Amino acid sequence: MSVVRVHLADDHTIFRQGLESLLASQEGIEVVSASSTGPEAAELVRKTRPDVIITQLDMQPKTAREIIEGLREASPDSRIIVLTLWDNLRYLQAISKMGIDAYLHKTSSADELLATIDAATGDGGDAVICMPRALLERLGDEPVGALSERETEVVVLAARGLSNRLIGKELQLAEATVKRHLANIYQKVGVRSRNEAVRKALMEQWIGIHEITSASDGDGSRDGRGG
């Protein structure tokens, strides 16, 4: 019987150790290394060359892309399974374009994780998606990404309470450019204020609560919100 060699990458030590214990108890699976995400993970998988990399991705798409590219470069033949708490269609769409082999929401069960590993290491060429049914059922309802990636970043930062100036600083944009993005967003989704835009984006699941609450320590102070 062939053994599937797995690397686990997750910033949350207890969660990672729990996964490691779960997988180590399964016949036919060997956890060959474990790490937090980022450069440490890439360095380890370069050495161990696992069959499967299970990695947490709970960050903005740009950072997620850098992590995926680092893992791909370090171990091109490894299958990559993404674990995430983010629960919106835009994130699923963005991550699915990064060349991953499976996408698994962290609310999934142990059996679903094992089934995903089995499917990802099989002969099929399609990515495996396992996430809440309510979200999957929406995939065919309407076009994903009513907002562009940049507009979505602006809405997320607005939802965190950042002023136009701070949004511009975070995204390296002029304040006037941020105002123009907001005006375009209002017109595109049919609202008149940033609060209405955020509410609409949440209702339509263009952004998720986890995106708003996972603000980094570097966001800075929330001074006046601006238009």
C-alpha atoms as a PDB file:
ATOM      1  CA  MET A   1       0.000   0.000   0.000  1.00  0.00           C
ATOM      2  CA  SER A   2       1.440   3.382  -0.994  1.00  0.00           C
ATOM      3  CA  VAL A   3       1.781   6.030   1.707  1.00  0.00           C
ATOM      4  CA  VAL A   4       0.706   9.650   1.117  1.00  0.00           C
ATOM      5  CA  ARG A   5       3.379  11.940   2.558  1.00  0.00           C
ATOM      6  CA  VAL A   6       1.906  15.188   3.938  1.00  0.00           C
ATOM      7  CA  HIS A   7       3.251  18.563   5.026  1.00  0.00           C
ATOM      8  CA  LEU A   8       1.016  20.682   7.307  1.00  0.00           C
ATOM      9  CA  ALA A   9       1.308  24.486   7.286  1.00  0.00           C
ATOM     10  CA  ASP A  10      -0.863  26.474   9.698  1.00  0.00           C
ATOM     11  CA  ASP A  11      -0.101  29.465  11.928  1.00  0.00           C
ATOM     12  CA  HIS A  12      -2.351  28.156  14.698  1.00  0.00           C
ATOM     13  CA  THR A  13      -0.284  25.619  16.637  1.00  0.00           C
ATOM     14  CA  ILE A  14      -3.164  23.837  18.372  1.00  0.00           C
ATOM     15  CA  PHE A  15      -5.097  23.453  15.122  1.00  0.00           C
ATOM     16  CA  ARG A  16      -1.973  22.214  13.316  1.00  0.00           C
ATOM     17  CA  GLN A  17      -1.172  19.721  16.066  1.00  0.00           C
ATOM     18  CA  GLY A  18      -4.743  18.477  16.035  1.00  0.00           C
ATOM     19  CA  LEU A  19      -4.570  17.877  12.292  1.00  0.00           C
ATOM     20  CA  GLU A  20      -1.232  16.153  12.685  1.00  0.00           C
ATOM     21  CA  SER A  21      -2.652  13.772  15.301  1.00  0.00           C
ATOM     22  CA  LEU A  22      -5.685  13.073  13.122  1.00  0.00           C
ATOM     23  CA  LEU A  23      -3.652  12.309  10.010  1.00  0.00           C
ATOM     24  CA  ALA A  24      -0.989  10.319  11.875  1.00  0.00           C
ATOM     25  CA  SER A  25      -3.724   7.968  13.085  1.00  0.00           C
ATOM     26  CA  GLN A  26      -4.792   7.164   9.520  1.00  0.00           C
ATOM     27  CA  GLU A  27      -3.400   4.177   7.675  1.00  0.00           C
ATOM     28  CA  GLY A  28      -1.649   5.194   4.471  1.00  0.00           C
ATOM     29  CA  ILE A  29      -0.851   8.785   5.572  1.00  0.00           C
ATOM     30  CA  GLU A  30       2.457  10.024   6.967  1.00  0.00           C
ATOM     31  CA  VAL A  31       2.998  13.579   8.203  1.00  0.00           C
ATOM     32  CA  VAL A  32       6.604  14.227   7.168  1.00  0.00           C
ATOM     33  CA  SER A  33       6.849  17.860   8.322  1.00  0.00           C
ATOM     34  CA  ALA A  34       4.834  20.723   9.806  1.00  0.00           C
ATOM     35  CA  SER A  35       5.266  24.483   9.965  1.00  0.00           C
ATOM     36  CA  SER A  36       3.567  27.825  10.042  1.00  0.00           C
ATOM     37  CA  THR A  37       2.741  29.285   6.626  1.00  0.00           C
ATOM     38  CA  GLY A  38       5.080  31.352   4.458  1.00  0.00           C
ATOM     39  CA  PRO A  39       8.853  31.021   3.958  1.00  0.00           C
ATOM     40  CA  GLU A  40       9.200  28.378   6.692  1.00  0.00           C
ATOM     41  CA  ALA A  41       6.748  26.118   4.892  1.00  0.00           C
ATOM     42  CA  ALA A  42       8.483  26.579   1.532  1.00  0.00           C
ATOM     43  CA  GLU A  43      11.867  25.786   3.075  1.00  0.00           C
ATOM     44  CA  LEU A  44      10.603  22.567   4.640  1.00  0.00           C
ATOM     45  CA  VAL A  45       8.711  21.276   1.604  1.00  0.00           C
ATOM     46  CA  ARG A  46      11.807  21.921  -0.506  1.00  0.00           C
ATOM     47  CA  LYS A  47      13.568  19.374   1.723  1.00  0.00           C
ATOM     48  CA  THR A  48      10.779  16.833   2.242  1.00  0.00           C
ATOM     49  CA  ARG A  49       9.036  17.002  -1.169  1.00  0.00           C
ATOM     50  CA  PRO A  50       5.689  15.744   0.206  1.00  0.00           C
ATOM     51  CA  ASP A  51       2.907  14.292  -1.929  1.00  0.00           C
ATOM     52  CA  VAL A  52       0.445  16.749  -0.369  1.00  0.00           C
ATOM     53  CA  ILE A  53       0.820  20.188   1.195  1.00  0.00           C
ATOM     54  CA  ILE A  54      -2.093  21.200   3.427  1.00  0.00           C
ATOM     55  CA  THR A  55      -1.784  24.940   4.016  1.00  0.00           C
ATOM     56  CA  GLN A  56      -3.857  27.535   5.833  1.00  0.00           C
ATOM     57  CA  LEU A  57      -4.685  30.628   3.764  1.00  0.00           C
ATOM     58  CA  ASP A  58      -6.577  33.259   5.746  1.00  0.00           C
ATOM     59  CA  MET A  59      -5.114  36.387   4.177  1.00  0.00           C
ATOM     60  CA  GLN A  60      -5.632  38.751   1.251  1.00  0.00           C
ATOM     61  CA  PRO A  61      -5.329  37.150  -2.221  1.00  0.00           C
ATOM     62  CA  LYS A  62      -2.047  38.928  -3.003  1.00  0.00           C
ATOM     63  CA  THR A  63      -0.334  37.385   0.040  1.00  0.00           C
ATOM     64  CA  ALA A  64      -2.012  34.040  -0.584  1.00  0.00           C
ATOM     65  CA  ARG A  65      -0.690  34.045  -4.153  1.00  0.00           C
ATOM     66  CA  GLU A  66       2.855  34.667  -2.900  1.00  0.00           C
ATOM     67  CA  ILE A  67       2.580  31.715  -0.513  1.00  0.00           C
ATOM     68  CA  ILE A  68       1.194  29.379  -3.186  1.00  0.00           C
ATOM     69  CA  GLU A  69       3.886  30.418  -5.665  1.00  0.00           C
ATOM     70  CA  GLY A  70       6.562  29.814  -3.023  1.00  0.00           C
ATOM     71  CA  LEU A  71       5.257  26.320  -2.311  1.00  0.00           C
ATOM     72  CA  ARG A  72       4.956  25.497  -6.022  1.00  0.00           C
ATOM     73  CA  GLU A  73       8.512  26.625  -6.664  1.00  0.00           C
ATOM     74  CA  ALA A  74       9.814  24.649  -3.692  1.00  0.00           C
ATOM     75  CA  SER A  75       8.020  21.407  -4.575  1.00  0.00           C
ATOM     76  CA  PRO A  76       6.430  21.488  -8.064  1.00  0.00           C
ATOM     77  CA  ASP A  77       4.941  17.980  -7.913  1.00  0.00           C
ATOM     78  CA  SER A  78       3.195  18.358  -4.560  1.00  0.00           C
ATOM     79  CA  ARG A  79      -0.594  18.636  -4.490  1.00  0.00           C
ATOM     80  CA  ILE A  80      -1.738  21.724  -2.594  1.00  0.00           C
ATOM     81  CA  ILE A  81      -4.845  21.668  -0.397  1.00  0.00           C
ATOM     82  CA  VAL A  82      -5.929  25.074   0.938  1.00  0.00           C
ATOM     83  CA  LEU A  83      -7.626  25.341   4.342  1.00  0.00           C
ATOM     84  CA  THR A  84      -9.446  28.610   5.059  1.00  0.00           C
ATOM     85  CA  LEU A  85     -12.043  30.276   7.247  1.00  0.00           C
ATOM     86  CA  TRP A  86     -12.887  32.831   4.574  1.00  0.00           C
ATOM     87  CA  ASP A  87     -16.391  32.285   3.365  1.00  0.00           C
ATOM     88  CA  ASN A  88     -17.011  34.380   0.271  1.00  0.00           C
ATOM     89  CA  LEU A  89     -17.243  33.579  -3.410  1.00  0.00           C
ATOM     90  CA  ARG A  90     -14.657  36.151  -4.490  1.00  0.00           C
ATOM     91  CA  TYR A  91     -11.992  34.480  -2.369  1.00  0.00           C
ATOM     92  CA  LEU A  92     -12.880  31.050  -3.741  1.00  0.00           C
ATOM     93  CA  GLN A  93     -12.622  32.392  -7.272  1.00  0.00           C
ATOM     94  CA  ALA A  94      -9.277  34.101  -6.615  1.00  0.00           C
ATOM     95  CA  ILE A  95      -7.703  31.100  -4.893  1.00  0.00           C
ATOM     96  CA  SER A  96      -8.963  28.635  -7.501  1.00  0.00           C
ATOM     97  CA  LYS A  97      -6.975  30.514 -10.163  1.00  0.00           C
ATOM     98  CA  MET A  98      -3.695  30.022  -8.300  1.00  0.00           C
ATOM     99  CA  GLY A  99      -3.149  26.442  -9.355  1.00  0.00           C
ATOM    100  CA  ILE A 100      -4.277  24.727  -6.155  1.00  0.00           C
ATOM    101  CA  ASP A 101      -5.562  21.151  -6.130  1.00  0.00           C
ATOM    102  CA  ALA A 102      -8.223  21.431  -3.422  1.00  0.00           C
ATOM    103  CA  TYR A 103     -10.041  24.089  -1.385  1.00  0.00           C
ATOM    104  CA  LEU A 104     -11.380  23.067   2.031  1.00  0.00           C
ATOM    105  CA  HIS A 105     -13.308  25.250   4.458  1.00  0.00           C
ATOM    106  CA  LYS A 106     -12.214  24.874   8.088  1.00  0.00           C
ATOM    107  CA  THR A 107     -15.762  24.005   9.136  1.00  0.00           C
ATOM    108  CA  SER A 108     -15.413  20.750   7.170  1.00  0.00           C
ATOM    109  CA  SER A 109     -15.320  17.433   9.012  1.00  0.00           C
ATOM    110  CA  ALA A 110     -12.391  15.058   9.453  1.00  0.00           C
ATOM    111  CA  ASP A 111     -14.011  12.660   6.986  1.00  0.00           C
ATOM    112  CA  GLU A 112     -14.270  15.465   4.414  1.00  0.00           C
ATOM    113  CA  LEU A 113     -10.580  16.280   4.887  1.00  0.00           C
ATOM    114  CA  LEU A 114      -9.583  12.648   4.352  1.00  0.00           C
ATOM    115  CA  ALA A 115     -11.830  12.397   1.296  1.00  0.00           C
ATOM    116  CA  THR A 116     -10.291  15.593  -0.089  1.00  0.00           C
ATOM    117  CA  ILE A 117      -6.769  14.223   0.345  1.00  0.00           C
ATOM    118  CA  ASP A 118      -7.825  11.040  -1.419  1.00  0.00           C
ATOM    119  CA  ALA A 119      -9.408  12.964  -4.297  1.00  0.00           C
ATOM    120  CA  ALA A 120      -6.503  15.405  -4.634  1.00  0.00           C
ATOM    121  CA  THR A 121      -3.983  12.578  -4.896  1.00  0.00           C
ATOM    122  CA  GLY A 122      -6.078  10.659  -7.424  1.00  0.00           C
ATOM    123  CA  ASP A 123      -5.798  10.689 -11.183  1.00  0.00           C
ATOM    124  CA  GLY A 124      -8.396  13.414 -11.824  1.00  0.00           C
ATOM    125  CA  GLY A 125      -7.149  16.791 -12.968  1.00  0.00           C
ATOM    126  CA  ASP A 126      -9.873  19.042 -11.536  1.00  0.00           C
ATOM    127  CA  ALA A 127      -9.570  20.964  -8.283  1.00  0.00           C
ATOM    128  CA  VAL A 128     -11.619  19.631  -5.353  1.00  0.00           C
ATOM    129  CA  ILE A 129     -13.820  22.098  -3.459  1.00  0.00           C
ATOM    130  CA  CYS A 130     -15.302  21.324  -0.059  1.00  0.00           C
ATOM    131  CA  MET A 131     -17.095  24.159   1.696  1.00  0.00           C
ATOM    132  CA  PRO A 132     -20.483  25.044   3.243  1.00  0.00           C
ATOM    133  CA  ARG A 133     -23.359  23.926   1.002  1.00  0.00           C
ATOM    134  CA  ALA A 134     -25.124  27.301   1.201  1.00  0.00           C
ATOM    135  CA  LEU A 135     -22.097  28.972  -0.339  1.00  0.00           C
ATOM    136  CA  LEU A 136     -21.632  26.356  -3.039  1.00  0.00           C
ATOM    137  CA  GLU A 137     -25.299  26.640  -4.016  1.00  0.00           C
ATOM    138  CA  ARG A 138     -24.755  30.333  -4.807  1.00  0.00           C
ATOM    139  CA  LEU A 139     -22.039  29.686  -7.371  1.00  0.00           C
ATOM    140  CA  GLY A 140     -24.496  29.515 -10.254  1.00  0.00           C
ATOM    141  CA  ASP A 141     -26.856  32.227  -9.059  1.00  0.00           C
ATOM    142  CA  GLU A 142     -24.980  35.294 -10.233  1.00  0.00           C
ATOM    143  CA  PRO A 143     -21.613  36.337 -11.624  1.00  0.00           C
ATOM    144  CA  VAL A 144     -18.861  36.193  -9.014  1.00  0.00           C
ATOM    145  CA  GLY A 145     -16.958  39.421  -8.586  1.00  0.00           C
ATOM    146  CA  ALA A 146     -19.496  42.173  -9.115  1.00  0.00           C
ATOM    147  CA  LEU A 147     -16.638  44.246  -7.724  1.00  0.00           C
ATOM    148  CA  SER A 148     -13.129  44.170  -9.131  1.00  0.00           C
ATOM    149  CA  GLU A 149     -10.308  42.883  -6.930  1.00  0.00           C
ATOM    150  CA  ARG A 150      -9.177  46.432  -6.184  1.00  0.00           C
ATOM    151  CA  GLU A 151     -12.721  47.605  -5.428  1.00  0.00           C
ATOM    152  CA  THR A 152     -13.186  44.671  -3.090  1.00  0.00           C
ATOM    153  CA  GLU A 153      -9.987  45.577  -1.244  1.00  0.00           C
ATOM    154  CA  VAL A 154     -11.345  49.107  -0.806  1.00  0.00           C
ATOM    155  CA  VAL A 155     -14.657  47.802   0.556  1.00  0.00           C
ATOM    156  CA  VAL A 156     -12.911  45.468   3.008  1.00  0.00           C
ATOM    157  CA  LEU A 157     -10.769  48.292   4.364  1.00  0.00           C
ATOM    158  CA  ALA A 158     -13.786  50.596   4.541  1.00  0.00           C
ATOM    159  CA  ALA A 159     -15.578  47.884   6.529  1.00  0.00           C
ATOM    160  CA  ARG A 160     -12.656  47.879   8.962  1.00  0.00           C
ATOM    161  CA  GLY A 161     -13.282  51.581   9.570  1.00  0.00           C
ATOM    162  CA  LEU A 162     -10.282  53.029   7.749  1.00  0.00           C
ATOM    163  CA  SER A 163     -10.526  56.569   6.414  1.00  0.00           C
ATOM    164  CA  ASN A 164      -9.897  57.273   2.743  1.00  0.00           C
ATOM    165  CA  ARG A 165      -6.398  58.428   3.654  1.00  0.00           C
ATOM    166  CA  LEU A 166      -5.598  55.205   5.499  1.00  0.00           C
ATOM    167  CA  ILE A 167      -7.123  53.071   2.747  1.00  0.00           C
ATOM    168  CA  GLY A 168      -4.848  54.871   0.304  1.00  0.00           C
ATOM    169  CA  LYS A 169      -1.847  54.267   2.556  1.00  0.00           C
ATOM    170  CA  GLU A 170      -2.676  50.571   2.913  1.00  0.00           C
ATOM    171  CA  LEU A 171      -3.151  50.058  -0.844  1.00  0.00           C
ATOM    172  CA  GLN A 172      -0.471  52.565  -1.918  1.00  0.00           C
ATOM    173  CA  LEU A 173      -3.033  54.737  -3.692  1.00  0.00           C
ATOM    174  CA  ALA A 174      -3.667  58.460  -3.700  1.00  0.00           C
ATOM    175  CA  GLU A 175      -6.599  59.533  -1.530  1.00  0.00           C
ATOM    176  CA  ALA A 176      -8.318  60.908  -4.637  1.00  0.00           C
ATOM    177  CA  THR A 177      -8.023  57.474  -6.259  1.00  0.00           C
ATOM    178  CA  VAL A 178      -9.683  55.871  -3.247  1.00  0.00           C
ATOM    179  CA  LYS A 179     -12.545  58.359  -3.505  1.00  0.00           C
ATOM    180  CA  ARG A 180     -12.913  57.517  -7.194  1.00  0.00           C
ATOM    181  CA  HIS A 181     -13.026  53.796  -6.412  1.00  0.00           C
ATOM    182  CA  LEU A 182     -15.711  54.390  -3.795  1.00  0.00           C
ATOM    183  CA  ALA A 183     -17.766  56.477  -6.234  1.00  0.00           C
ATOM    184  CA  ASN A 184     -17.511  53.699  -8.819  1.00  0.00           C
ATOM    185  CA  ILE A 185     -18.534  51.125  -6.212  1.00  0.00           C
ATOM    186  CA  TYR A 186     -21.588  53.151  -5.173  1.00  0.00           C
ATOM    187  CA  GLN A 187     -22.713  53.463  -8.780  1.00  0.00           C
ATOM    188  CA  LYS A 188     -22.000  49.826  -9.621  1.00  0.00           C
ATOM    189  CA  VAL A 189     -23.961  48.305  -6.724  1.00  0.00           C
ATOM    190  CA  GLY A 190     -26.633  51.004  -6.441  1.00  0.00           C
ATOM    191  CA  VAL A 191     -25.869  52.520  -3.017  1.00  0.00           C
ATOM    192  CA  ARG A 192     -25.090  56.007  -1.694  1.00  0.00           C
ATOM    193  CA  SER A 193     -22.655  55.455   1.184  1.00  0.00           C
ATOM    194  CA  ARG A 194     -19.794  53.269   2.306  1.00  0.00           C
ATOM    195  CA  ASN A 195     -21.952  51.656   5.010  1.00  0.00           C
ATOM    196  CA  GLU A 196     -24.510  50.641   2.398  1.00  0.00           C
ATOM    197  CA  ALA A 197     -21.712  49.376   0.135  1.00  0.00           C
ATOM    198  CA  VAL A 198     -20.285  47.222   2.928  1.00  0.00           C
ATOM    199  CA  ARG A 199     -23.738  45.877   3.800  1.00  0.00           C
ATOM    200  CA  LYS A 200     -24.406  45.029   0.153  1.00  0.00           C
ATOM    201  CA  ALA A 201     -21.018  43.314  -0.239  1.00  0.00           C
ATOM    202  CA  LEU A 202     -21.655  41.192   2.849  1.00  0.00           C
ATOM    203  CA  MET A 203     -25.201  40.274   1.793  1.00  0.00           C
ATOM    204  CA  GLU A 204     -24.037  39.244  -1.672  1.00  0.00           C
ATOM    205  CA  GLN A 205     -21.010  37.433  -0.168  1.00  0.00           C
ATOM    206  CA  TRP A 206     -18.508  39.390  -2.250  1.00  0.00           C
ATOM    207  CA  ILE A 207     -16.658  39.766   1.062  1.00  0.00           C
ATOM    208  CA  GLY A 208     -16.833  37.710   4.256  1.00  0.00           C
ATOM    209  CA  ILE A 209     -16.872  38.554   7.955  1.00  0.00           C
ATOM    210  CA  HIS A 210     -13.503  36.861   8.406  1.00  0.00           C
ATOM    211  CA  GLU A 211     -11.902  39.266   5.930  1.00  0.00           C
ATOM    212  CA  ILE A 212     -13.106  42.202   7.995  1.00  0.00           C
ATOM    213  CA  THR A 213     -12.119  40.796  11.382  1.00  0.00           C
ATOM    214  CA  SER A 214      -8.679  39.526  10.302  1.00  0.00           C
ATOM    215  CA  ALA A 215      -7.161  43.009  10.070  1.00  0.00           C
ATOM    216  CA  SER A 216      -3.418  43.040  10.651  1.00  0.00           C
ATOM    217  CA  ASP A 217      -1.799  44.976  13.466  1.00  0.00           C
ATOM    218  CA  GLY A 218      -0.351  47.321  10.853  1.00  0.00           C
ATOM    219  CA  ASP A 219      -3.643  48.878   9.808  1.00  0.00           C
ATOM    220  CA  GLY A 220      -2.972  51.930  11.911  1.00  0.00           C
ATOM    221  CA  SER A 221      -5.424  54.153  13.766  1.00  0.00           C
ATOM    222  CA  ARG A 222      -8.960  54.728  12.556  1.00  0.00           C
ATOM    223  CA  ASP A 223      -9.151  58.444  12.118  1.00  0.00           C
ATOM    224  CA  GLY A 224     -12.013  60.229  10.340  1.00  0.00           C
ATOM    225  CA  ARG A 225     -13.695  58.035   7.754  1.00  0.00           C
ATOM    226  CA  GLY A 226     -14.110  60.487   4.901  1.00  0.00           C
ATOM    227  CA  GLY A 227     -16.491  60.078   1.979  1.00  0.00           C
END
